[in-house]
C-alpha atoms as a PDB file:
ATOM      1  CA  MET A   1     203.385 154.618   2.526  1.00  0.00           C
ATOM      2  CA  ILE A   2     205.674 155.818   4.867  1.00  0.00           C
ATOM      3  CA  LEU A   3     209.180 156.843   3.984  1.00  0.00           C
ATOM      4  CA  ALA A   4     211.389 156.616   7.248  1.00  0.00           C
ATOM      5  CA  VAL A   5     215.156 158.307   7.360  1.00  0.00           C
ATOM      6  CA  ASP A   6     217.879 157.838   9.697  1.00  0.00           C
ATOM      7  CA  ILE A   7     220.721 159.889   8.668  1.00  0.00           C
ATOM      8  CA  GLY A   8     223.475 159.250  10.790  1.00  0.00           C
ATOM      9  CA  ASN A   9     227.167 160.259  10.403  1.00  0.00           C
ATOM     10  CA  THR A  10     228.888 157.629   8.026  1.00  0.00           C
ATOM     11  CA  GLU A  11     225.784 155.777   6.521  1.00  0.00           C
ATOM     12  CA  THR A  12     222.034 157.041   6.187  1.00  0.00           C
ATOM     13  CA  MET A  13     218.941 154.243   6.277  1.00  0.00           C
ATOM     14  CA  LEU A  14     215.682 154.407   4.448  1.00  0.00           C
ATOM     15  CA  GLY A  15     212.886 152.481   4.950  1.00  0.00           C
ATOM     16  CA  LEU A  16     209.705 152.100   3.100  1.00  0.00           C
ATOM     17  CA  PHE A  17     206.430 150.851   5.374  1.00  0.00           C
ATOM     18  CA  GLU A  18     203.394 150.164   4.419  1.00  0.00           C
ATOM     19  CA  GLY A  19     201.256 149.706   8.096  1.00  0.00           C
ATOM     20  CA  ARG A  20     203.983 148.111  10.491  1.00  0.00           C
ATOM     21  CA  GLU A  21     205.082 145.846   6.883  1.00  0.00           C
ATOM     22  CA  GLU A  22     208.312 146.687   6.064  1.00  0.00           C
ATOM     23  CA  ARG A  23     208.334 146.945   1.922  1.00  0.00           C
ATOM     24  CA  ALA A  24     211.527 148.277   1.477  1.00  0.00           C
ATOM     25  CA  SER A  25     214.798 149.501   3.105  1.00  0.00           C
ATOM     26  CA  TRP A  26     217.937 150.889   1.713  1.00  0.00           C
ATOM     27  CA  ARG A  27     221.574 151.687   3.295  1.00  0.00           C
ATOM     28  CA  LEU A  28     223.025 154.993   1.517  1.00  0.00           C
ATOM     29  CA  ALA A  29     226.814 156.645   2.305  1.00  0.00           C
ATOM     30  CA  THR A  30     225.775 160.020   4.103  1.00  0.00           C
ATOM     31  CA  VAL A  31     227.261 162.572   1.783  1.00  0.00           C
ATOM     32  CA  VAL A  32     227.384 165.748   3.471  1.00  0.00           C
ATOM     33  CA  ARG A  33     227.067 168.245   0.268  1.00  0.00           C
ATOM     34  CA  ARG A  34     224.247 166.406  -1.602  1.00  0.00           C
ATOM     35  CA  THR A  35     221.882 168.756  -2.668  1.00  0.00           C
ATOM     36  CA  GLY A  36     217.873 168.776  -2.545  1.00  0.00           C
ATOM     37  CA  ASP A  37     217.522 168.126  -5.956  1.00  0.00           C
ATOM     38  CA  GLU A  38     219.791 165.220  -5.588  1.00  0.00           C
ATOM     39  CA  VAL A  39     218.661 163.670  -2.499  1.00  0.00           C
ATOM     40  CA  ALA A  40     214.641 164.170  -4.525  1.00  0.00           C
ATOM     41  CA  LEU A  41     216.170 162.042  -7.394  1.00  0.00           C
ATOM     42  CA  LEU A  42     218.016 159.563  -5.360  1.00  0.00           C
ATOM     43  CA  LEU A  43     214.451 158.974  -3.701  1.00  0.00           C
ATOM     44  CA  ARG A  44     212.133 158.868  -6.833  1.00  0.00           C
ATOM     45  CA  GLY A  45     214.815 156.310  -8.132  1.00  0.00           C
ATOM     46  CA  LEU A  46     215.212 154.016  -5.377  1.00  0.00           C
ATOM     47  CA  VAL A  47     211.360 154.083  -4.553  1.00  0.00           C
ATOM     48  CA  GLY A  48     210.300 153.738  -8.249  1.00  0.00           C
ATOM     49  CA  ALA A  49     212.328 151.037  -8.527  1.00  0.00           C
ATOM     50  CA  GLU A  50     211.051 148.613  -5.484  1.00  0.00           C
ATOM     51  CA  VAL A  51     207.257 149.842  -5.632  1.00  0.00           C
ATOM     52  CA  GLY A  52     206.681 152.146  -8.568  1.00  0.00           C
ATOM     53  CA  ALA A  53     206.562 155.921  -8.916  1.00  0.00           C
ATOM     54  CA  GLU A  54     203.116 156.377 -10.614  1.00  0.00           C
ATOM     55  CA  PRO A  55     201.041 157.067  -8.793  1.00  0.00           C
ATOM     56  CA  TRP A  56     203.752 158.206  -6.264  1.00  0.00           C
ATOM     57  CA  PRO A  57     203.097 155.698  -3.310  1.00  0.00           C
ATOM     58  CA  VAL A  58     204.571 157.496  -0.230  1.00  0.00           C
ATOM     59  CA  ALA A  59     202.326 159.360   1.715  1.00  0.00           C
ATOM     60  CA  ARG A  60     204.715 161.132   4.241  1.00  0.00           C
ATOM     61  CA  GLY A  61     208.218 160.924   5.564  1.00  0.00           C
ATOM     62  CA  VAL A  62     209.895 160.847   9.068  1.00  0.00           C
ATOM     63  CA  ILE A  63     213.800 161.582   9.535  1.00  0.00           C
ATOM     64  CA  ALA A  64     215.938 161.177  12.392  1.00  0.00           C
ATOM     65  CA  SER A  65     219.179 163.284  11.744  1.00  0.00           C
ATOM     66  CA  VAL A  66     222.453 163.712  13.601  1.00  0.00           C
ATOM     67  CA  VAL A  67     223.897 165.508  10.661  1.00  0.00           C
ATOM     68  CA  PRO A  68     222.320 169.309  10.778  1.00  0.00           C
ATOM     69  CA  PRO A  69     223.931 170.167   7.671  1.00  0.00           C
ATOM     70  CA  LEU A  70     222.206 167.790   5.819  1.00  0.00           C
ATOM     71  CA  ASP A  71     218.633 168.711   7.154  1.00  0.00           C
ATOM     72  CA  ARG A  72     217.727 171.366   4.884  1.00  0.00           C
ATOM     73  CA  ALA A  73     218.731 169.267   1.696  1.00  0.00           C
ATOM     74  CA  TRP A  74     216.445 166.488   2.778  1.00  0.00           C
ATOM     75  CA  SER A  75     213.896 168.919   3.719  1.00  0.00           C
ATOM     76  CA  GLN A  76     214.263 170.754   0.229  1.00  0.00           C
ATOM     77  CA  ALA A  77     213.835 167.018  -1.372  1.00  0.00           C
ATOM     78  CA  PHE A  78     210.728 166.317   0.457  1.00  0.00           C
ATOM     79  CA  GLU A  79     209.268 169.588  -0.767  1.00  0.00           C
ATOM     80  CA  ARG A  80     210.169 169.192  -4.186  1.00  0.00           C
ATOM     81  CA  LEU A  81     208.023 165.569  -3.697  1.00  0.00           C
ATOM     82  CA  ASP A  82     205.362 167.626  -2.201  1.00  0.00           C
ATOM     83  CA  LEU A  83     205.383 165.208   0.874  1.00  0.00           C
ATOM     84  CA  PRO A  84     204.578 166.552   4.482  1.00  0.00           C
ATOM     85  CA  LEU A  85     207.572 165.787   6.406  1.00  0.00           C
ATOM     86  CA  HIS A  86     208.280 165.159  10.445  1.00  0.00           C
ATOM     87  CA  TRP A  87     211.692 165.680  12.149  1.00  0.00           C
ATOM     88  CA  VAL A  88     212.153 163.324  14.942  1.00  0.00           C
ATOM     89  CA  ASP A  89     213.700 165.059  18.027  1.00  0.00           C
ATOM     90  CA  ALA A  90     214.002 165.474  21.813  1.00  0.00           C
ATOM     91  CA  SER A  91     210.736 167.566  21.823  1.00  0.00           C
ATOM     92  CA  SER A  92     208.256 165.383  19.512  1.00  0.00           C
ATOM     93  CA  PRO A  93     205.098 164.040  20.688  1.00  0.00           C
ATOM     94  CA  LEU A  94     206.369 160.455  21.377  1.00  0.00           C
ATOM     95  CA  PRO A  95     205.259 157.784  24.234  1.00  0.00           C
ATOM     96  CA  VAL A  96     208.746 158.078  25.542  1.00  0.00           C
ATOM     97  CA  ARG A  97     210.142 159.828  28.311  1.00  0.00           C
ATOM     98  CA  LEU A  98     213.845 161.391  28.644  1.00  0.00           C
ATOM     99  CA  ASP A  99     214.764 161.029  32.210  1.00  0.00           C
ATOM    100  CA  VAL A 100     217.700 162.879  32.003  1.00  0.00           C
ATOM    101  CA  GLU A 101     219.126 166.836  33.221  1.00  0.00           C
ATOM    102  CA  ALA A 102     218.753 168.514  29.751  1.00  0.00           C
ATOM    103  CA  PRO A 103     216.270 166.302  27.682  1.00  0.00           C
ATOM    104  CA  SER A 104     216.766 168.824  24.304  1.00  0.00           C
ATOM    105  CA  THR A 105     220.530 167.684  24.267  1.00  0.00           C
ATOM    106  CA  VAL A 106     219.757 164.006  23.587  1.00  0.00           C
ATOM    107  CA  GLY A 107     220.005 163.222  20.259  1.00  0.00           C
ATOM    108  CA  ALA A 108     217.483 161.930  17.549  1.00  0.00           C
ATOM    109  CA  ASP A 109     219.341 158.580  17.069  1.00  0.00           C
ATOM    110  CA  ARG A 110     218.798 157.891  20.974  1.00  0.00           C
ATOM    111  CA  VAL A 111     215.327 158.844  21.183  1.00  0.00           C
ATOM    112  CA  VAL A 112     214.188 156.449  18.192  1.00  0.00           C
ATOM    113  CA  ASN A 113     216.121 154.116  20.148  1.00  0.00           C
ATOM    114  CA  THR A 114     214.039 154.471  23.004  1.00  0.00           C
ATOM    115  CA  LEU A 115     211.121 154.368  20.910  1.00  0.00           C
ATOM    116  CA  ALA A 116     212.218 151.454  19.214  1.00  0.00           C
ATOM    117  CA  THR A 117     213.145 149.373  22.225  1.00  0.00           C
ATOM    118  CA  SER A 118     209.935 150.358  24.129  1.00  0.00           C
ATOM    119  CA  VAL A 119     207.696 149.392  21.402  1.00  0.00           C
ATOM    120  CA  LEU A 120     209.640 145.936  19.822  1.00  0.00           C
ATOM    121  CA  HIS A 121     211.138 144.650  23.277  1.00  0.00           C
ATOM    122  CA  GLY A 122     209.298 146.253  26.197  1.00  0.00           C
ATOM    123  CA  ARG A 123     211.864 145.259  29.204  1.00  0.00           C
ATOM    124  CA  ASN A 124     214.521 146.791  30.540  1.00  0.00           C
ATOM    125  CA  THR A 125     217.616 147.071  27.974  1.00  0.00           C
ATOM    126  CA  ILE A 126     221.029 148.739  27.123  1.00  0.00           C
ATOM    127  CA  VAL A 127     220.983 149.351  23.119  1.00  0.00           C
ATOM    128  CA  VAL A 128     224.541 149.199  22.331  1.00  0.00           C
ATOM    129  CA  ASP A 129     224.486 150.690  18.863  1.00  0.00           C
ATOM    130  CA  LEU A 130     227.967 150.103  17.110  1.00  0.00           C
ATOM    131  CA  GLY A 131     228.006 152.805  14.747  1.00  0.00           C
ATOM    132  CA  THR A 132     230.454 155.699  13.941  1.00  0.00           C
ATOM    133  CA  ALA A 133     230.530 155.959  17.645  1.00  0.00           C
ATOM    134  CA  THR A 134     229.836 153.395  20.181  1.00  0.00           C
ATOM    135  CA  THR A 135     226.622 154.751  22.023  1.00  0.00           C
ATOM    136  CA  PHE A 136     224.619 153.204  25.238  1.00  0.00           C
ATOM    137  CA  ASP A 137     221.054 153.766  25.839  1.00  0.00           C
ATOM    138  CA  CYS A 138     219.808 152.458  29.058  1.00  0.00           C
ATOM    139  CA  ILE A 139     216.035 151.943  28.636  1.00  0.00           C
ATOM    140  CA  THR A 140     213.305 150.963  30.802  1.00  0.00           C
ATOM    141  CA  ASP A 141     210.464 148.730  30.303  1.00  0.00           C
ATOM    142  CA  GLU A 142     208.690 151.622  30.451  1.00  0.00           C
ATOM    143  CA  GLY A 143     210.149 153.571  27.247  1.00  0.00           C
ATOM    144  CA  VAL A 144     211.826 155.909  29.698  1.00  0.00           C
ATOM    145  CA  PHE A 145     215.369 156.851  28.663  1.00  0.00           C
ATOM    146  CA  LEU A 146     218.007 156.894  31.653  1.00  0.00           C
ATOM    147  CA  GLY A 147     221.055 158.331  30.122  1.00  0.00           C
ATOM    148  CA  GLY A 148     224.009 156.571  28.592  1.00  0.00           C
ATOM    149  CA  ALA A 149     227.374 156.645  27.504  1.00  0.00           C
ATOM    150  CA  ILE A 150     229.159 157.495  24.351  1.00  0.00           C
ATOM    151  CA  ALA A 151     232.636 155.743  23.241  1.00  0.00           C
ATOM    152  CA  PRO A 152     234.907 156.111  20.100  1.00  0.00           C
ATOM    153  CA  GLY A 153     233.680 153.904  16.829  1.00  0.00           C
ATOM    154  CA  PRO A 154     235.338 150.763  15.513  1.00  0.00           C
ATOM    155  CA  HIS A 155     237.374 153.454  13.261  1.00  0.00           C
ATOM    156  CA  ALA A 156     238.496 155.766  15.663  1.00  0.00           C
ATOM    157  CA  GLY A 157     241.708 153.510  17.317  1.00  0.00           C
ATOM    158  CA  ILE A 158     242.180 152.775  21.144  1.00  0.00           C
ATOM    159  CA  ASP A 159     242.447 155.569  23.315  1.00  0.00           C
ATOM    160  CA  ARG A 160     243.202 154.492  26.834  1.00  0.00           C
ATOM    161  CA  GLY A 161     242.446 157.978  28.011  1.00  0.00           C
ATOM    162  CA  CYS A 162     239.126 158.099  26.804  1.00  0.00           C
ATOM    163  CA  HIS A 163     238.160 155.064  29.688  1.00  0.00           C
ATOM    164  CA  ARG A 164     238.048 158.060  32.530  1.00  0.00           C
ATOM    165  CA  SER A 165     235.515 159.923  30.154  1.00  0.00           C
ATOM    166  CA  TRP A 166     233.422 157.029  29.510  1.00  0.00           C
ATOM    167  CA  SER A 167     232.956 156.364  33.149  1.00  0.00           C
ATOM    168  CA  SER A 168     232.183 160.235  33.911  1.00  0.00           C
ATOM    169  CA  ARG A 169     229.718 159.773  31.721  1.00  0.00           C
ATOM    170  CA  TRP A 170     227.872 157.103  33.815  1.00  0.00           C
ATOM    171  CA  ASN A 171     228.206 159.579  36.822  1.00  0.00           C
ATOM    172  CA  ARG A 172     226.167 162.130  34.892  1.00  0.00           C
ATOM    173  CA  SER A 173     223.681 159.767  33.432  1.00  0.00           C
ATOM    174  CA  PHE A 174     222.275 158.456  36.558  1.00  0.00           C
ATOM    175  CA  VAL A 175     222.242 154.800  35.574  1.00  0.00           C
ATOM    176  CA  ARG A 176     220.094 152.964  38.097  1.00  0.00           C
ATOM    177  CA  THR A 177     219.291 149.397  36.919  1.00  0.00           C
ATOM    178  CA  LEU A 178     220.807 146.769  35.660  1.00  0.00           C
ATOM    179  CA  PHE A 179     219.490 145.833  32.093  1.00  0.00           C
ATOM    180  CA  GLN A 180     219.603 143.203  29.351  1.00  0.00           C
ATOM    181  CA  VAL A 181     222.264 144.007  26.672  1.00  0.00           C
ATOM    182  CA  THR A 182     220.944 144.206  23.033  1.00  0.00           C
ATOM    183  CA  VAL A 183     223.569 145.090  20.443  1.00  0.00           C
ATOM    184  CA  ASP A 184     222.784 146.473  17.620  1.00  0.00           C
ATOM    185  CA  ARG A 185     225.598 145.878  14.829  1.00  0.00           C
ATOM    186  CA  ASP A 186     226.712 147.645  11.648  1.00  0.00           C
ATOM    187  CA  SER A 187     226.592 144.117   9.532  1.00  0.00           C
ATOM    188  CA  THR A 188     228.459 146.368   6.302  1.00  0.00           C
ATOM    189  CA  ALA A 189     231.315 147.332   8.335  1.00  0.00           C
ATOM    190  CA  LYS A 190     234.539 145.582   7.980  1.00  0.00           C
ATOM    191  CA  HIS A 191     237.058 145.539  11.131  1.00  0.00           C
ATOM    192  CA  GLY A 192     239.854 142.686  12.234  1.00  0.00           C
ATOM    193  CA  ASP A 193     240.010 140.636  15.089  1.00  0.00           C
ATOM    194  CA  TRP A 194     242.270 143.453  16.789  1.00  0.00           C
ATOM    195  CA  ALA A 195     239.409 146.155  16.290  1.00  0.00           C
ATOM    196  CA  HIS A 196     236.477 142.997  17.350  1.00  0.00           C
ATOM    197  CA  TYR A 197     238.745 142.291  20.579  1.00  0.00           C
ATOM    198  CA  SER A 198     238.991 146.439  21.140  1.00  0.00           C
ATOM    199  CA  ARG A 199     235.236 146.790  20.923  1.00  0.00           C
ATOM    200  CA  ARG A 200     234.309 144.178  22.681  1.00  0.00           C
ATOM    201  CA  ALA A 201     236.886 145.280  25.854  1.00  0.00           C
ATOM    202  CA  ARG A 202     234.941 148.938  25.725  1.00  0.00           C
ATOM    203  CA  ILE A 203     231.949 147.210  25.833  1.00  0.00           C
ATOM    204  CA  ARG A 204     232.862 145.352  28.721  1.00  0.00           C
ATOM    205  CA  ARG A 205     234.345 147.827  31.074  1.00  0.00           C
ATOM    206  CA  ILE A 206     231.298 150.493  30.244  1.00  0.00           C
ATOM    207  CA  LEU A 207     228.649 147.793  31.266  1.00  0.00           C
ATOM    208  CA  GLY A 208     231.255 146.938  34.098  1.00  0.00           C
ATOM    209  CA  ASP A 209     230.864 150.613  35.374  1.00  0.00           C
ATOM    210  CA  CYS A 210     227.135 149.840  35.376  1.00  0.00           C
ATOM    211  CA  ARG A 211     227.476 147.014  37.516  1.00  0.00           C
ATOM    212  CA  TRP A 212     229.827 149.129  39.516  1.00  0.00           C
ATOM    213  CA  HIS A 213     227.428 152.058  39.887  1.00  0.00           C
ATOM    214  CA  ARG A 214     224.553 149.914  40.878  1.00  0.00           C
ATOM    215  CA  ARG A 215     226.091 148.064  43.170  1.00  0.00           C
ATOM    216  CA  HIS A 216     228.062 151.155  44.902  1.00  0.00           C
ATOM    217  CA  GLY A 217     226.402 154.325  43.613  1.00  0.00           C
ATOM    218  CA  GLN A 218     229.199 155.790  42.286  1.00  0.00           C
ATOM    219  CA  THR A 219     231.460 154.714  39.269  1.00  0.00           C
ATOM    220  CA  ASP A 220     234.050 152.080  39.043  1.00  0.00           C
ATOM    221  CA  PRO A 221     237.665 154.102  40.131  1.00  0.00           C
ATOM    222  CA  ARG A 222     239.798 152.166  37.820  1.00  0.00           C
END
């Protein structure tokens, strides 16, 4: 089995896979001060409770992380469990292409978004990921990441001045195609109606910028 780990700023997602079948999944709070020993104990407990720990069923691990301070602890945990570990980043040999000016700056979360969209959907897509930040990833049907935008997440409040920065990100990302929209919701987040409305307004505004860019070759000057 493979243990896949997605370390985000707020939450860490874990999935246990046997081939393409998901055997179990967990959602944990991301704790920056957690040690390698703590992570190893946590993994043993979760996996053992789900599928048994004797014999240890996990053959290797895969991690995508956007929290560098935690990388060492997770590496130490897999060493303690005597498991080979692969870190996913922009340099990983994956069947995707990062068509941006500086591919090495693309975060692991956006790399795996591109891979998952290519494998699961195989169509031109904008992935809207509502996490600590709201990210927009523009991905073609051939698994090419064209760029995207980052906006404040649901907990960041409303900053009207951000509209201009979002627009400038669209300029730099060279979005060339109008895509279908796929929304990846954080099902555990609790937000009021006002927050939901503001989030939808932001999504609509950025998608509107995308349409403007496609039609006019520049960002909506609003």
